[in-house]
Amino acid sequence: MTVATESVINERAQRLLKALVERYIREGQPVGSRTLARDAGLDLSPATVRNVMSDLEELGLLRAPHTSAGRIPTAQGYRLFVDTLLTIEPLPRVDVSRLRLQLNPAADPDDLLASASGLLSDVTRLAGVVMVPKRESLTLRHVEFLPLSANRVLVILVVNEHDVQNRIIQTPRAYSAAELQQVSNYLNREFAGRDLHRVREELLRGMRETRESVNRIMVTAIEMADQVFTPAPESDDFVVSGQTNLMSYAEMSDIDKLRQLFEAFNTKRDLLQLLDHALDAERVQIFIGEESGYDVLDACSLVTAPYEVDGDVVGVLGVIGPTRMAYDRVIPIVDITAKLLGSALKPGA
Protein backbone atom coordinates (compact mmCIF):
# COMPACT_ATOMS: atom_id res chain seq x y z
CA MET A 1 0.00 0.00 0.00
CA THR A 2 1.53 3.29 -1.06
CA VAL A 3 1.52 6.45 1.02
CA ALA A 4 -0.39 8.16 -1.78
CA THR A 5 -3.18 5.58 -1.59
CA GLU A 6 -3.39 5.81 2.19
CA SER A 7 -3.60 9.60 2.09
CA VAL A 8 -6.82 9.62 0.01
CA ILE A 9 -8.70 7.39 2.47
CA ASN A 10 -10.40 9.59 5.01
CA GLU A 11 -11.30 8.55 8.53
CA ARG A 12 -14.82 7.51 7.54
CA ALA A 13 -13.52 5.22 4.79
CA GLN A 14 -10.97 3.75 7.18
CA ARG A 15 -13.65 2.96 9.75
CA LEU A 16 -15.79 1.29 7.12
CA LEU A 17 -12.85 -0.69 5.76
CA LYS A 18 -11.90 -1.80 9.27
CA ALA A 19 -15.46 -2.88 10.06
CA LEU A 20 -15.74 -4.77 6.76
CA VAL A 21 -12.47 -6.63 7.22
CA GLU A 22 -13.29 -7.58 10.80
CA ARG A 23 -16.72 -8.95 9.86
CA TYR A 24 -15.34 -10.83 6.88
CA ILE A 25 -12.64 -12.38 9.08
CA ARG A 26 -15.33 -13.56 11.52
CA GLU A 27 -17.87 -14.89 9.02
CA GLY A 28 -16.20 -15.36 5.65
CA GLN A 29 -19.18 -13.91 3.79
CA PRO A 30 -19.30 -10.81 1.53
CA VAL A 31 -20.38 -7.76 3.52
CA GLY A 32 -23.27 -5.57 2.28
CA SER A 33 -23.78 -1.85 2.81
CA ARG A 34 -26.51 -2.13 5.47
CA THR A 35 -24.51 -4.55 7.58
CA LEU A 36 -21.41 -2.42 7.19
CA ALA A 37 -23.15 0.81 8.24
CA ARG A 38 -24.40 -0.90 11.37
CA ASP A 39 -21.04 -2.47 12.24
CA ALA A 40 -19.11 0.76 11.75
CA GLY A 41 -21.40 2.66 14.12
CA LEU A 42 -21.77 5.51 11.64
CA ASP A 43 -24.98 7.40 10.96
CA LEU A 44 -24.79 6.87 7.21
CA SER A 45 -27.34 5.75 4.66
CA PRO A 46 -26.76 2.50 2.79
CA ALA A 47 -26.35 4.56 -0.38
CA THR A 48 -23.50 6.57 1.14
CA VAL A 49 -21.84 3.40 2.37
CA ARG A 50 -22.16 1.88 -1.12
CA ASN A 51 -20.41 4.92 -2.57
CA VAL A 52 -17.53 4.59 -0.11
CA MET A 53 -17.29 0.86 -0.86
CA SER A 54 -17.15 1.66 -4.55
CA ASP A 55 -14.31 4.10 -3.94
CA LEU A 56 -12.42 1.51 -1.92
CA GLU A 57 -12.96 -1.00 -4.72
CA GLU A 58 -11.51 1.42 -7.25
CA LEU A 59 -8.44 1.77 -5.04
CA GLY A 60 -7.99 -2.01 -5.11
CA LEU A 61 -8.84 -2.48 -1.44
CA LEU A 62 -12.13 -4.35 -1.91
CA ARG A 63 -13.66 -6.56 -4.56
CA ALA A 64 -17.05 -8.05 -5.32
CA PRO A 65 -16.94 -11.84 -5.63
CA HIS A 66 -19.02 -13.11 -8.52
CA THR A 67 -22.36 -11.26 -8.67
CA SER A 68 -22.65 -10.63 -4.94
CA ALA A 69 -23.77 -7.19 -3.82
CA GLY A 70 -21.35 -7.44 -0.89
CA ARG A 71 -17.60 -6.86 -0.86
CA ILE A 72 -14.60 -8.69 0.50
CA PRO A 73 -11.06 -7.41 1.16
CA THR A 74 -8.23 -7.82 -1.34
CA ALA A 75 -4.64 -8.51 -0.33
CA GLN A 76 -4.08 -4.73 -0.51
CA GLY A 77 -7.07 -4.19 1.73
CA TYR A 78 -5.72 -6.61 4.29
CA ARG A 79 -2.32 -4.95 4.10
CA LEU A 80 -3.77 -1.50 4.89
CA PHE A 81 -5.84 -3.04 7.67
CA VAL A 82 -2.84 -4.81 9.24
CA ASP A 83 -0.45 -1.89 8.89
CA THR A 84 -2.65 1.01 10.02
CA LEU A 85 -6.02 -0.09 11.38
CA LEU A 86 -5.33 -3.20 13.45
CA THR A 87 -5.29 -3.00 17.23
CA ILE A 88 -3.19 -5.72 18.86
CA GLU A 89 -3.57 -6.47 22.54
CA PRO A 90 -0.94 -8.35 24.58
CA LEU A 91 -1.61 -12.05 24.89
CA PRO A 92 -3.46 -12.87 28.14
CA ARG A 93 -1.20 -14.21 30.87
CA VAL A 94 -3.06 -17.49 31.01
CA ASP A 95 -2.22 -18.12 27.34
CA VAL A 96 1.43 -17.15 27.86
CA SER A 97 1.63 -19.52 30.83
CA ARG A 98 0.16 -22.33 28.76
CA LEU A 99 2.70 -21.82 26.00
CA ARG A 100 5.58 -21.60 28.45
CA LEU A 101 4.47 -24.80 30.18
CA GLN A 102 4.40 -26.72 26.89
CA LEU A 103 7.83 -25.48 25.78
CA ASN A 104 9.82 -27.20 28.50
CA PRO A 105 13.55 -26.33 28.36
CA ALA A 106 14.35 -29.81 29.65
CA ALA A 107 12.87 -31.40 26.52
CA ASP A 108 14.92 -32.64 23.59
CA PRO A 109 15.42 -29.86 20.97
CA ASP A 110 13.59 -31.85 18.29
CA ASP A 111 10.68 -32.34 20.66
CA LEU A 112 10.66 -28.60 21.40
CA LEU A 113 10.36 -27.78 17.70
CA ALA A 114 7.50 -30.25 17.28
CA SER A 115 5.80 -28.87 20.41
CA ALA A 116 6.07 -25.29 19.15
CA SER A 117 4.60 -26.24 15.78
CA GLY A 118 1.77 -28.15 17.42
CA LEU A 119 1.04 -25.32 19.86
CA LEU A 120 0.85 -22.74 17.09
CA SER A 121 -1.59 -24.98 15.27
CA ASP A 122 -3.71 -25.81 18.32
CA VAL A 123 -3.99 -22.25 19.63
CA THR A 124 -4.71 -20.59 16.26
CA ARG A 125 -6.57 -23.48 14.58
CA LEU A 126 -4.36 -22.91 11.55
CA ALA A 127 -1.15 -24.58 10.32
CA GLY A 128 1.91 -24.07 12.51
CA VAL A 129 5.39 -24.16 11.00
CA VAL A 130 8.80 -24.05 12.71
CA MET A 131 12.08 -23.91 10.81
CA VAL A 132 14.72 -26.27 12.16
CA PRO A 133 17.65 -24.21 13.53
CA LYS A 134 20.36 -23.72 10.97
CA ARG A 135 23.18 -26.08 11.69
CA GLU A 136 26.24 -24.47 13.23
CA SER A 137 29.28 -24.51 10.98
CA LEU A 138 31.91 -26.96 12.17
CA THR A 139 35.52 -25.79 12.13
CA LEU A 140 38.29 -28.38 12.31
CA ARG A 141 40.69 -27.73 15.20
CA HIS A 142 42.47 -31.06 15.53
CA VAL A 143 42.05 -34.70 14.54
CA GLU A 144 43.74 -37.87 15.80
CA PHE A 145 43.44 -41.48 14.57
CA LEU A 146 44.10 -44.52 16.80
CA PRO A 147 44.12 -48.09 15.44
CA LEU A 148 41.63 -50.61 16.84
CA SER A 149 41.04 -54.27 16.01
CA ALA A 150 39.22 -55.63 12.94
CA ASN A 151 40.11 -52.77 10.55
CA ARG A 152 38.57 -50.18 12.78
CA VAL A 153 39.93 -46.75 13.68
CA LEU A 154 39.03 -44.50 16.60
CA VAL A 155 38.75 -40.88 15.46
CA ILE A 156 39.15 -38.09 18.02
CA LEU A 157 37.82 -34.93 16.41
CA VAL A 158 38.04 -31.47 17.96
CA VAL A 159 35.75 -28.91 16.27
CA ASN A 160 34.95 -25.27 16.91
CA GLU A 161 36.45 -24.22 20.24
CA HIS A 162 36.15 -27.14 22.62
CA ASP A 163 33.72 -29.66 21.11
CA VAL A 164 35.33 -33.11 21.17
CA GLN A 165 33.72 -35.93 19.18
CA ASN A 166 34.76 -39.58 19.22
CA ARG A 167 33.86 -41.80 16.28
CA ILE A 168 34.74 -45.32 15.20
CA ILE A 169 35.06 -45.90 11.47
CA GLN A 170 35.57 -49.05 9.41
CA THR A 171 38.54 -48.96 7.02
CA PRO A 172 39.28 -51.14 3.97
CA ARG A 173 42.49 -52.48 5.59
CA ALA A 174 44.40 -52.33 8.85
CA TYR A 175 46.56 -49.26 9.41
CA SER A 176 49.53 -48.98 11.72
CA ALA A 177 49.76 -46.30 14.38
CA ALA A 178 52.59 -44.68 12.39
CA GLU A 179 50.50 -44.48 9.21
CA LEU A 180 47.58 -42.94 11.09
CA GLN A 181 49.90 -40.43 12.77
CA GLN A 182 51.14 -39.34 9.33
CA VAL A 183 47.55 -38.84 8.17
CA SER A 184 46.53 -36.82 11.22
CA ASN A 185 49.68 -34.68 10.90
CA TYR A 186 48.85 -33.97 7.28
CA LEU A 187 45.20 -33.06 7.96
CA ASN A 188 46.04 -30.87 10.95
CA ARG A 189 48.79 -29.08 9.04
CA GLU A 190 46.78 -28.44 5.88
CA PHE A 191 43.22 -27.97 7.13
CA ALA A 192 43.10 -26.82 10.76
CA GLY A 193 40.80 -23.81 11.05
CA ARG A 194 38.80 -24.77 7.94
CA ASP A 195 35.12 -25.73 7.66
CA LEU A 196 34.81 -29.47 8.19
CA HIS A 197 32.62 -30.20 5.20
CA ARG A 198 34.74 -28.05 2.87
CA VAL A 199 37.78 -30.08 3.91
CA ARG A 200 36.11 -33.25 2.68
CA GLU A 201 35.02 -31.61 -0.58
CA GLU A 202 38.50 -30.26 -1.25
CA LEU A 203 40.17 -33.59 -0.57
CA LEU A 204 37.79 -35.47 -2.85
CA ARG A 205 38.14 -32.85 -5.58
CA GLY A 206 41.92 -33.03 -5.29
CA MET A 207 41.83 -36.79 -5.69
CA ARG A 208 39.75 -36.52 -8.87
CA GLU A 209 41.99 -33.83 -10.37
CA THR A 210 45.35 -35.42 -9.55
CA ARG A 211 44.48 -39.08 -9.25
CA GLU A 212 47.71 -40.28 -10.84
CA SER A 213 50.02 -38.25 -8.61
CA VAL A 214 48.25 -38.72 -5.27
CA ASN A 215 50.60 -40.34 -2.79
CA ARG A 216 49.72 -43.01 -0.29
CA ILE A 217 49.29 -40.60 2.63
CA MET A 218 46.84 -38.52 0.59
CA VAL A 219 44.86 -41.63 -0.40
CA THR A 220 44.58 -42.63 3.25
CA ALA A 221 43.62 -39.09 4.28
CA ILE A 222 40.90 -39.05 1.66
CA GLU A 223 39.56 -42.43 2.75
CA MET A 224 39.41 -41.20 6.34
CA ALA A 225 37.92 -37.80 5.51
CA ASP A 226 35.22 -39.34 3.36
CA GLN A 227 33.86 -41.03 6.48
CA VAL A 228 34.86 -38.67 9.27
CA PHE A 229 33.90 -35.39 7.64
CA THR A 230 30.70 -36.56 5.98
CA PRO A 231 27.88 -34.28 7.19
CA ALA A 232 25.21 -35.88 9.32
CA PRO A 233 21.94 -36.38 7.47
CA GLU A 234 19.83 -33.24 7.56
CA SER A 235 16.66 -33.48 9.57
CA ASP A 236 13.53 -31.99 8.10
CA ASP A 237 14.09 -28.35 7.29
CA PHE A 238 10.91 -27.35 9.04
CA VAL A 239 8.22 -28.96 11.15
CA VAL A 240 4.60 -28.35 10.21
CA SER A 241 1.43 -29.21 12.12
CA GLY A 242 -2.29 -28.75 11.56
CA GLN A 243 -2.45 -28.62 7.77
CA THR A 244 -5.90 -30.16 7.87
CA ASN A 245 -7.18 -27.17 9.87
CA LEU A 246 -7.10 -25.22 6.62
CA MET A 247 -9.78 -27.48 5.13
CA SER A 248 -12.40 -25.94 7.44
CA TYR A 249 -12.25 -22.59 5.61
CA ALA A 250 -14.68 -22.33 2.70
CA GLU A 251 -12.33 -20.23 0.59
CA MET A 252 -9.70 -22.98 0.82
CA SER A 253 -12.02 -25.90 0.14
CA ASP A 254 -11.05 -26.17 -3.52
CA ILE A 255 -9.49 -29.63 -3.84
CA ASP A 256 -6.91 -28.60 -6.43
CA LYS A 257 -5.76 -25.63 -4.35
CA LEU A 258 -5.51 -27.75 -1.22
CA ARG A 259 -3.56 -30.43 -3.08
CA GLN A 260 -1.09 -27.83 -4.36
CA LEU A 261 -0.73 -26.34 -0.89
CA PHE A 262 -0.14 -29.71 0.75
CA GLU A 263 2.42 -30.51 -1.96
CA ALA A 264 4.18 -27.27 -1.05
CA PHE A 265 4.32 -28.43 2.57
CA ASN A 266 5.87 -31.70 1.42
CA THR A 267 8.38 -30.40 -1.14
CA LYS A 268 9.31 -27.54 1.21
CA ARG A 269 11.54 -25.64 -1.24
CA ASP A 270 9.31 -22.59 -1.79
CA LEU A 271 8.25 -22.35 1.84
CA LEU A 272 11.86 -22.61 2.96
CA GLN A 273 12.85 -19.75 0.68
CA LEU A 274 10.05 -17.66 2.16
CA LEU A 275 11.12 -18.55 5.71
CA ASP A 276 14.71 -17.71 4.81
CA HIS A 277 13.57 -14.21 3.83
CA ALA A 278 11.90 -13.88 7.23
CA LEU A 279 15.20 -14.71 8.98
CA ASP A 280 16.37 -11.15 8.35
CA ALA A 281 13.33 -9.60 10.04
CA GLU A 282 13.81 -8.27 13.56
CA ARG A 283 10.22 -8.95 14.58
CA VAL A 284 6.91 -10.29 13.31
CA GLN A 285 6.62 -10.25 9.53
CA ILE A 286 3.40 -10.82 7.57
CA PHE A 287 3.09 -12.04 3.97
CA ILE A 288 -0.45 -11.55 2.64
CA GLY A 289 -1.67 -13.38 -0.46
CA GLU A 290 0.44 -12.74 -3.53
CA GLU A 291 3.02 -10.86 -1.44
CA SER A 292 4.69 -14.21 -0.83
CA GLY A 293 5.61 -14.45 -4.50
CA TYR A 294 4.31 -18.03 -4.74
CA ASP A 295 1.07 -18.80 -6.58
CA VAL A 296 0.21 -21.65 -4.23
CA LEU A 297 0.01 -19.15 -1.33
CA ASP A 298 -2.15 -16.56 -3.11
CA ALA A 299 -5.13 -17.38 -0.88
CA CYS A 300 -3.00 -17.57 2.28
CA SER A 301 -1.25 -15.36 4.75
CA LEU A 302 1.94 -16.29 6.57
CA VAL A 303 2.73 -14.64 9.92
CA THR A 304 6.33 -15.26 10.99
CA ALA A 305 8.77 -14.29 13.72
CA PRO A 306 12.47 -15.16 14.08
CA TYR A 307 13.63 -16.97 17.20
CA GLU A 308 17.02 -16.42 18.81
CA VAL A 309 19.41 -18.46 20.90
CA ASP A 310 22.02 -16.48 22.83
CA GLY A 311 21.29 -13.39 20.78
CA ASP A 312 21.70 -15.08 17.38
CA VAL A 313 18.75 -15.68 15.06
CA VAL A 314 18.76 -19.42 14.32
CA GLY A 315 15.33 -19.99 12.81
CA VAL A 316 11.82 -18.76 12.07
CA LEU A 317 8.41 -19.97 13.14
CA GLY A 318 4.97 -18.93 12.05
CA VAL A 319 1.39 -19.65 11.15
CA ILE A 320 -0.09 -20.28 7.71
CA GLY A 321 -3.79 -19.74 7.13
CA PRO A 322 -6.33 -18.04 4.90
CA THR A 323 -5.94 -14.31 4.32
CA ARG A 324 -8.97 -13.76 6.56
CA MET A 325 -7.18 -15.06 9.64
CA ALA A 326 -7.64 -13.22 12.95
CA TYR A 327 -4.44 -11.17 12.75
CA ASP A 328 -5.05 -9.45 16.08
CA ARG A 329 -4.80 -12.82 17.83
CA VAL A 330 -2.32 -14.65 15.57
CA ILE A 331 0.38 -11.95 15.64
CA PRO A 332 0.93 -11.90 19.44
CA ILE A 333 0.78 -15.71 19.58
CA VAL A 334 3.52 -16.03 16.96
CA ASP A 335 5.57 -13.30 18.63
CA ILE A 336 5.52 -14.78 22.14
CA THR A 337 6.01 -18.37 20.90
CA ALA A 338 9.19 -17.29 19.09
CA LYS A 339 10.52 -15.71 22.29
CA LEU A 340 9.62 -18.74 24.41
CA LEU A 341 11.10 -21.24 21.95
CA GLY A 342 14.38 -19.34 21.77
CA SER A 343 14.54 -19.22 25.55
CA ALA A 344 13.79 -22.95 25.86
CA LEU A 345 16.49 -23.86 23.32
CA LYS A 346 19.15 -21.84 25.13
CA PRO A 347 21.86 -24.13 26.52
CA GLY A 348 21.47 -24.54 30.25
CA ALA A 349 17.95 -23.09 30.26
Foldseek 3Di string as FASTA:
>chain_A
DDPVLVVVQDPVLLLLLLQQLLVCLVPVDFDAQVNSCVSSVHPDDSVVSLVSVVVCVVSVQWDDPDPDNGIYGALVVLVCCVPPPDDADADDPVLLVVLLVQQALVDDLVSNQQSLQVSLCVVQLFKKKWFDFDDDFWFWAFWAWDFDPPQKIWIWTQTDDGDTDIDIDHDPDGDDNVLRVLLRVVCNVPGHGHGLLVSLVVLVVVCVVPVPPDDPSSVVNNRVSVPPSDDDDDDDRMDMDNNCSQCVNPVCVPPVLSVVVVVCVVVVPLVVVLFVVQLPDQAKDKQAACSSVDPSCNQKMWIKTFAAAPPHGGIMITGIYGNSGPCSPRRSSRGSSSDSSNVSNHPPD
